[in-house]
Amino acid sequence: MQDLTKFSDENLFRACIDGNEASFEELYNRYWYKLYAEAFKRLRKAEIAEEIIQDLFTSIWLNRQKITIHSSISGYLFTSVRYLVLSYLQKELVRNNYKSYVKGSFKDVDNSTEMIISFNELQEQIESHVRLLPEKCRYIYELSRKEFKTNKEIADLLGISEKTVENQLTKALGRLKIAVKALIIYVFLLFY
């Protein structure tokens, strides 16, 4: 057995492309902590930093035959981490803006018991319609709308094409639109 610690990054990656798990493990061990430190420095969240690095290495292994690296392996890995951190921060910004918007939207609403009950009933009705969706369609819908994952992330997670994700979301939204149309009219009349 060869001593992989003496191999260059480029040689290890070439071996990874051919499916050599030991070479991949050596690259992983060589860079995991450095990449984690880079992510943690920018995020200050250990769990998220770990998740980003795990996702990066998982993606590299799964896509190893498609990846073309024009610079050094080190440069590619650190650039990837910066991109993944920025992507995470953008999603967090969108989530926080959405939460602020929702909180602001309901700030001026009369918090009477009737309105709270009506809102809760509406939420339950929507959830009951979501539960009626076919299992795969429902799961994709929940990943998209509740976990705020992009179509690409969902496709990668489930091992399906982005087009399939789009089709499932279109199907889910179409069914929900029909199912809750009357409920939306009811709520609109109730609040106005």
C-alpha atoms as a PDB file:
ATOM      1  CA  MET A   1       0.000   0.000   0.000  1.00  0.00           C
ATOM      2  CA  GLN A   2       1.333   3.421  -0.949  1.00  0.00           C
ATOM      3  CA  ASP A   3       1.962   6.252   1.513  1.00  0.00           C
ATOM      4  CA  LEU A   4      -0.625   8.752   0.251  1.00  0.00           C
ATOM      5  CA  THR A   5       0.632  11.521   2.542  1.00  0.00           C
ATOM      6  CA  LYS A   6       3.526  11.999   0.103  1.00  0.00           C
ATOM      7  CA  PHE A   7       1.253  12.410  -2.928  1.00  0.00           C
ATOM      8  CA  SER A   8       0.562  15.881  -4.317  1.00  0.00           C
ATOM      9  CA  ASP A   9      -2.982  17.226  -4.125  1.00  0.00           C
ATOM     10  CA  GLU A  10      -3.293  16.947  -7.896  1.00  0.00           C
ATOM     11  CA  ASN A  11      -2.240  13.275  -7.909  1.00  0.00           C
ATOM     12  CA  LEU A  12      -4.679  12.516  -5.097  1.00  0.00           C
ATOM     13  CA  PHE A  13      -7.490  14.212  -6.980  1.00  0.00           C
ATOM     14  CA  ARG A  14      -6.705  12.312 -10.176  1.00  0.00           C
ATOM     15  CA  ALA A  15      -6.913   9.094  -8.162  1.00  0.00           C
ATOM     16  CA  CYS A  16     -10.227  10.276  -6.683  1.00  0.00           C
ATOM     17  CA  ILE A  17     -11.631  10.749 -10.176  1.00  0.00           C
ATOM     18  CA  ASP A  18     -10.885   7.073 -10.769  1.00  0.00           C
ATOM     19  CA  GLY A  19     -12.825   6.196  -7.604  1.00  0.00           C
ATOM     20  CA  ASN A  20      -9.906   5.702  -5.211  1.00  0.00           C
ATOM     21  CA  GLU A  21     -11.530   6.230  -1.818  1.00  0.00           C
ATOM     22  CA  ALA A  22      -8.233   6.212   0.070  1.00  0.00           C
ATOM     23  CA  SER A  23      -7.013   9.172  -2.015  1.00  0.00           C
ATOM     24  CA  PHE A  24     -10.242  11.011  -1.344  1.00  0.00           C
ATOM     25  CA  GLU A  25      -9.887  10.301   2.377  1.00  0.00           C
ATOM     26  CA  GLU A  26      -6.341  11.687   2.314  1.00  0.00           C
ATOM     27  CA  LEU A  27      -7.546  14.899   0.628  1.00  0.00           C
ATOM     28  CA  TYR A  28     -10.362  15.097   3.149  1.00  0.00           C
ATOM     29  CA  ASN A  29      -7.990  14.685   6.108  1.00  0.00           C
ATOM     30  CA  ARG A  30      -5.495  17.111   4.583  1.00  0.00           C
ATOM     31  CA  TYR A  31      -8.007  19.938   4.139  1.00  0.00           C
ATOM     32  CA  TRP A  32     -10.986  19.381   6.449  1.00  0.00           C
ATOM     33  CA  TYR A  33      -9.753  21.417   9.403  1.00  0.00           C
ATOM     34  CA  LYS A  34      -8.300  24.244   7.276  1.00  0.00           C
ATOM     35  CA  LEU A  35     -11.565  24.574   5.351  1.00  0.00           C
ATOM     36  CA  TYR A  36     -13.601  24.339   8.542  1.00  0.00           C
ATOM     37  CA  ALA A  37     -11.498  27.136  10.088  1.00  0.00           C
ATOM     38  CA  GLU A  38     -12.103  29.283   6.993  1.00  0.00           C
ATOM     39  CA  ALA A  39     -15.866  28.748   7.147  1.00  0.00           C
ATOM     40  CA  PHE A  40     -16.013  29.235  10.915  1.00  0.00           C
ATOM     41  CA  LYS A  41     -14.005  32.468  10.684  1.00  0.00           C
ATOM     42  CA  ARG A  42     -16.679  33.922   8.411  1.00  0.00           C
ATOM     43  CA  LEU A  43     -19.789  32.432  10.053  1.00  0.00           C
ATOM     44  CA  ARG A  44     -18.925  32.036  13.755  1.00  0.00           C
ATOM     45  CA  LYS A  45     -21.289  29.054  13.810  1.00  0.00           C
ATOM     46  CA  ALA A  46     -19.533  25.726  14.327  1.00  0.00           C
ATOM     47  CA  GLU A  47     -22.423  23.515  13.254  1.00  0.00           C
ATOM     48  CA  ILE A  48     -23.062  25.443  10.042  1.00  0.00           C
ATOM     49  CA  ALA A  49     -19.340  25.532   9.218  1.00  0.00           C
ATOM     50  CA  GLU A  50     -19.129  21.738   9.676  1.00  0.00           C
ATOM     51  CA  GLU A  51     -22.206  21.221   7.525  1.00  0.00           C
ATOM     52  CA  ILE A  52     -20.778  23.371   4.737  1.00  0.00           C
ATOM     53  CA  ILE A  53     -17.505  21.423   4.700  1.00  0.00           C
ATOM     54  CA  GLN A  54     -19.331  18.081   4.759  1.00  0.00           C
ATOM     55  CA  ASP A  55     -21.552  19.225   1.877  1.00  0.00           C
ATOM     56  CA  LEU A  56     -18.498  20.356  -0.069  1.00  0.00           C
ATOM     57  CA  PHE A  57     -16.688  17.037   0.269  1.00  0.00           C
ATOM     58  CA  THR A  58     -19.855  15.065  -0.444  1.00  0.00           C
ATOM     59  CA  SER A  59     -20.408  17.107  -3.591  1.00  0.00           C
ATOM     60  CA  ILE A  60     -16.797  16.620  -4.656  1.00  0.00           C
ATOM     61  CA  TRP A  61     -17.027  12.846  -4.266  1.00  0.00           C
ATOM     62  CA  LEU A  62     -20.371  12.599  -6.057  1.00  0.00           C
ATOM     63  CA  ASN A  63     -19.313  14.907  -8.897  1.00  0.00           C
ATOM     64  CA  ARG A  64     -15.615  13.991  -9.040  1.00  0.00           C
ATOM     65  CA  GLN A  65     -15.749  12.932 -12.692  1.00  0.00           C
ATOM     66  CA  LYS A  66     -17.451  16.171 -13.755  1.00  0.00           C
ATOM     67  CA  ILE A  67     -15.205  18.598 -11.860  1.00  0.00           C
ATOM     68  CA  THR A  68     -12.550  20.417 -13.849  1.00  0.00           C
ATOM     69  CA  ILE A  69     -10.018  22.280 -11.736  1.00  0.00           C
ATOM     70  CA  HIS A  70      -8.098  25.025 -13.555  1.00  0.00           C
ATOM     71  CA  SER A  71      -6.071  26.165 -10.563  1.00  0.00           C
ATOM     72  CA  SER A  72      -4.681  24.258  -7.602  1.00  0.00           C
ATOM     73  CA  ILE A  73      -6.790  21.844  -5.565  1.00  0.00           C
ATOM     74  CA  SER A  74      -6.221  24.073  -2.551  1.00  0.00           C
ATOM     75  CA  GLY A  75      -7.433  27.146  -4.451  1.00  0.00           C
ATOM     76  CA  TYR A  76     -10.482  25.270  -5.708  1.00  0.00           C
ATOM     77  CA  LEU A  77     -11.404  24.068  -2.199  1.00  0.00           C
ATOM     78  CA  PHE A  78     -11.022  27.461  -0.513  1.00  0.00           C
ATOM     79  CA  THR A  79     -12.899  29.238  -3.306  1.00  0.00           C
ATOM     80  CA  SER A  80     -15.675  26.654  -2.993  1.00  0.00           C
ATOM     81  CA  VAL A  81     -15.909  27.244   0.748  1.00  0.00           C
ATOM     82  CA  ARG A  82     -16.127  31.012   0.240  1.00  0.00           C
ATOM     83  CA  TYR A  83     -18.888  30.513  -2.332  1.00  0.00           C
ATOM     84  CA  LEU A  84     -20.822  28.132  -0.031  1.00  0.00           C
ATOM     85  CA  VAL A  85     -20.482  30.561   2.903  1.00  0.00           C
ATOM     86  CA  LEU A  86     -21.753  33.448   0.754  1.00  0.00           C
ATOM     87  CA  SER A  87     -24.604  31.302  -0.479  1.00  0.00           C
ATOM     88  CA  TYR A  88     -25.533  30.416   3.096  1.00  0.00           C
ATOM     89  CA  LEU A  89     -25.374  34.080   4.163  1.00  0.00           C
ATOM     90  CA  GLN A  90     -27.590  35.113   1.230  1.00  0.00           C
ATOM     91  CA  LYS A  91     -30.180  32.502   2.205  1.00  0.00           C
ATOM     92  CA  GLU A  92     -30.063  33.674   5.816  1.00  0.00           C
ATOM     93  CA  LEU A  93     -30.572  37.259   4.672  1.00  0.00           C
ATOM     94  CA  VAL A  94     -33.607  36.230   2.612  1.00  0.00           C
ATOM     95  CA  ARG A  95     -35.020  34.210   5.535  1.00  0.00           C
ATOM     96  CA  ASN A  96     -34.496  37.084   7.978  1.00  0.00           C
ATOM     97  CA  ASN A  97     -36.034  39.611   5.586  1.00  0.00           C
ATOM     98  CA  TYR A  98     -39.008  37.305   5.093  1.00  0.00           C
ATOM     99  CA  LYS A  99     -39.428  36.851   8.855  1.00  0.00           C
ATOM    100  CA  SER A 100     -39.234  40.621   9.364  1.00  0.00           C
ATOM    101  CA  TYR A 101     -41.772  41.164   6.609  1.00  0.00           C
ATOM    102  CA  VAL A 102     -44.172  38.629   8.098  1.00  0.00           C
ATOM    103  CA  LYS A 103     -43.796  40.103  11.573  1.00  0.00           C
ATOM    104  CA  GLY A 104     -44.319  43.611  10.169  1.00  0.00           C
ATOM    105  CA  SER A 105     -47.319  42.523   8.134  1.00  0.00           C
ATOM    106  CA  PHE A 106     -49.137  41.207  11.154  1.00  0.00           C
ATOM    107  CA  LYS A 107     -48.053  43.970  13.553  1.00  0.00           C
ATOM    108  CA  ASP A 108     -51.027  46.224  12.755  1.00  0.00           C
ATOM    109  CA  VAL A 109     -53.551  43.392  12.567  1.00  0.00           C
ATOM    110  CA  ASP A 110     -56.162  43.341  15.296  1.00  0.00           C
ATOM    111  CA  ASN A 111     -55.177  40.450  17.532  1.00  0.00           C
ATOM    112  CA  SER A 112     -58.723  39.621  18.479  1.00  0.00           C
ATOM    113  CA  THR A 113     -59.470  36.051  19.359  1.00  0.00           C
ATOM    114  CA  GLU A 114     -61.581  35.589  16.230  1.00  0.00           C
ATOM    115  CA  MET A 115     -58.764  36.639  13.919  1.00  0.00           C
ATOM    116  CA  ILE A 116     -56.235  34.405  15.639  1.00  0.00           C
ATOM    117  CA  ILE A 117     -58.624  31.463  15.456  1.00  0.00           C
ATOM    118  CA  SER A 118     -59.376  32.180  11.785  1.00  0.00           C
ATOM    119  CA  PHE A 119     -55.702  32.439  10.942  1.00  0.00           C
ATOM    120  CA  ASN A 120     -54.968  29.168  12.749  1.00  0.00           C
ATOM    121  CA  GLU A 121     -57.848  27.476  10.923  1.00  0.00           C
ATOM    122  CA  LEU A 122     -56.517  28.735   7.600  1.00  0.00           C
ATOM    123  CA  GLN A 123     -53.053  27.409   8.399  1.00  0.00           C
ATOM    124  CA  GLU A 124     -54.515  24.029   9.379  1.00  0.00           C
ATOM    125  CA  GLN A 125     -56.575  23.894   6.181  1.00  0.00           C
ATOM    126  CA  ILE A 126     -53.510  24.602   4.063  1.00  0.00           C
ATOM    127  CA  GLU A 127     -51.491  21.991   5.977  1.00  0.00           C
ATOM    128  CA  SER A 128     -54.257  19.426   5.506  1.00  0.00           C
ATOM    129  CA  HIS A 129     -54.165  20.052   1.739  1.00  0.00           C
ATOM    130  CA  VAL A 130     -50.375  19.730   1.763  1.00  0.00           C
ATOM    131  CA  ARG A 131     -50.712  16.367   3.539  1.00  0.00           C
ATOM    132  CA  LEU A 132     -52.972  15.179   0.688  1.00  0.00           C
ATOM    133  CA  LEU A 133     -50.234  15.708  -1.910  1.00  0.00           C
ATOM    134  CA  PRO A 134     -48.454  12.589  -3.177  1.00  0.00           C
ATOM    135  CA  GLU A 135     -45.505  11.738  -0.917  1.00  0.00           C
ATOM    136  CA  LYS A 136     -42.691  12.770  -3.290  1.00  0.00           C
ATOM    137  CA  CYS A 137     -44.518  15.924  -4.337  1.00  0.00           C
ATOM    138  CA  ARG A 138     -45.194  16.860  -0.689  1.00  0.00           C
ATOM    139  CA  TYR A 139     -41.576  16.242   0.334  1.00  0.00           C
ATOM    140  CA  ILE A 140     -40.239  18.447  -2.485  1.00  0.00           C
ATOM    141  CA  TYR A 141     -42.796  21.151  -1.648  1.00  0.00           C
ATOM    142  CA  GLU A 142     -41.779  21.125   2.029  1.00  0.00           C
ATOM    143  CA  LEU A 143     -38.064  21.281   1.183  1.00  0.00           C
ATOM    144  CA  SER A 144     -38.744  24.257  -1.055  1.00  0.00           C
ATOM    145  CA  ARG A 145     -41.271  26.199   0.983  1.00  0.00           C
ATOM    146  CA  LYS A 146     -40.452  25.277   4.574  1.00  0.00           C
ATOM    147  CA  GLU A 147     -36.697  24.712   4.418  1.00  0.00           C
ATOM    148  CA  PHE A 148     -36.099  27.328   1.683  1.00  0.00           C
ATOM    149  CA  LYS A 149     -33.942  25.012  -0.421  1.00  0.00           C
ATOM    150  CA  THR A 150     -33.311  25.885  -4.047  1.00  0.00           C
ATOM    151  CA  ASN A 151     -34.401  23.569  -6.853  1.00  0.00           C
ATOM    152  CA  LYS A 152     -30.756  22.633  -7.419  1.00  0.00           C
ATOM    153  CA  GLU A 153     -30.234  21.766  -3.750  1.00  0.00           C
ATOM    154  CA  ILE A 154     -33.373  19.628  -3.746  1.00  0.00           C
ATOM    155  CA  ALA A 155     -32.322  17.893  -6.968  1.00  0.00           C
ATOM    156  CA  ASP A 156     -28.869  17.147  -5.526  1.00  0.00           C
ATOM    157  CA  LEU A 157     -30.339  15.955  -2.231  1.00  0.00           C
ATOM    158  CA  LEU A 158     -32.818  13.581  -3.884  1.00  0.00           C
ATOM    159  CA  GLY A 159     -30.648  12.572  -6.836  1.00  0.00           C
ATOM    160  CA  ILE A 160     -33.162  13.805  -9.412  1.00  0.00           C
ATOM    161  CA  SER A 161     -33.051  16.446 -12.130  1.00  0.00           C
ATOM    162  CA  GLU A 162     -33.905  20.090 -11.493  1.00  0.00           C
ATOM    163  CA  LYS A 163     -36.645  19.761 -14.120  1.00  0.00           C
ATOM    164  CA  THR A 164     -38.281  16.990 -12.061  1.00  0.00           C
ATOM    165  CA  VAL A 165     -38.152  19.253  -8.999  1.00  0.00           C
ATOM    166  CA  GLU A 166     -39.751  22.095 -11.009  1.00  0.00           C
ATOM    167  CA  ASN A 167     -42.480  19.759 -12.296  1.00  0.00           C
ATOM    168  CA  GLN A 168     -43.258  18.467  -8.793  1.00  0.00           C
ATOM    169  CA  LEU A 169     -43.413  22.011  -7.384  1.00  0.00           C
ATOM    170  CA  THR A 170     -45.669  23.119 -10.222  1.00  0.00           C
ATOM    171  CA  LYS A 171     -47.954  20.165  -9.530  1.00  0.00           C
ATOM    172  CA  ALA A 172     -48.008  20.890  -5.777  1.00  0.00           C
ATOM    173  CA  LEU A 173     -48.660  24.609  -6.184  1.00  0.00           C
ATOM    174  CA  GLY A 174     -51.362  23.982  -8.783  1.00  0.00           C
ATOM    175  CA  ARG A 175     -53.214  21.606  -6.480  1.00  0.00           C
ATOM    176  CA  LEU A 176     -52.838  23.897  -3.476  1.00  0.00           C
ATOM    177  CA  LYS A 177     -53.973  26.917  -5.467  1.00  0.00           C
ATOM    178  CA  ILE A 178     -57.200  25.203  -6.413  1.00  0.00           C
ATOM    179  CA  ALA A 179     -57.727  23.773  -2.929  1.00  0.00           C
ATOM    180  CA  VAL A 180     -57.265  27.014  -0.993  1.00  0.00           C
ATOM    181  CA  LYS A 181     -58.784  29.543  -3.392  1.00  0.00           C
ATOM    182  CA  ALA A 182     -62.013  29.669  -1.418  1.00  0.00           C
ATOM    183  CA  LEU A 183     -60.083  29.946   1.846  1.00  0.00           C
ATOM    184  CA  ILE A 184     -58.115  32.929   0.563  1.00  0.00           C
ATOM    185  CA  ILE A 185     -61.303  34.733  -0.430  1.00  0.00           C
ATOM    186  CA  TYR A 186     -62.724  33.998   3.020  1.00  0.00           C
ATOM    187  CA  VAL A 187     -59.664  35.366   4.798  1.00  0.00           C
ATOM    188  CA  PHE A 188     -59.518  38.401   2.533  1.00  0.00           C
ATOM    189  CA  LEU A 189     -63.133  39.249   3.364  1.00  0.00           C
ATOM    190  CA  LEU A 190     -62.513  38.630   7.051  1.00  0.00           C
ATOM    191  CA  PHE A 191     -59.540  40.994   7.257  1.00  0.00           C
ATOM    192  CA  TYR A 192     -60.954  43.719   5.008  1.00  0.00           C
END
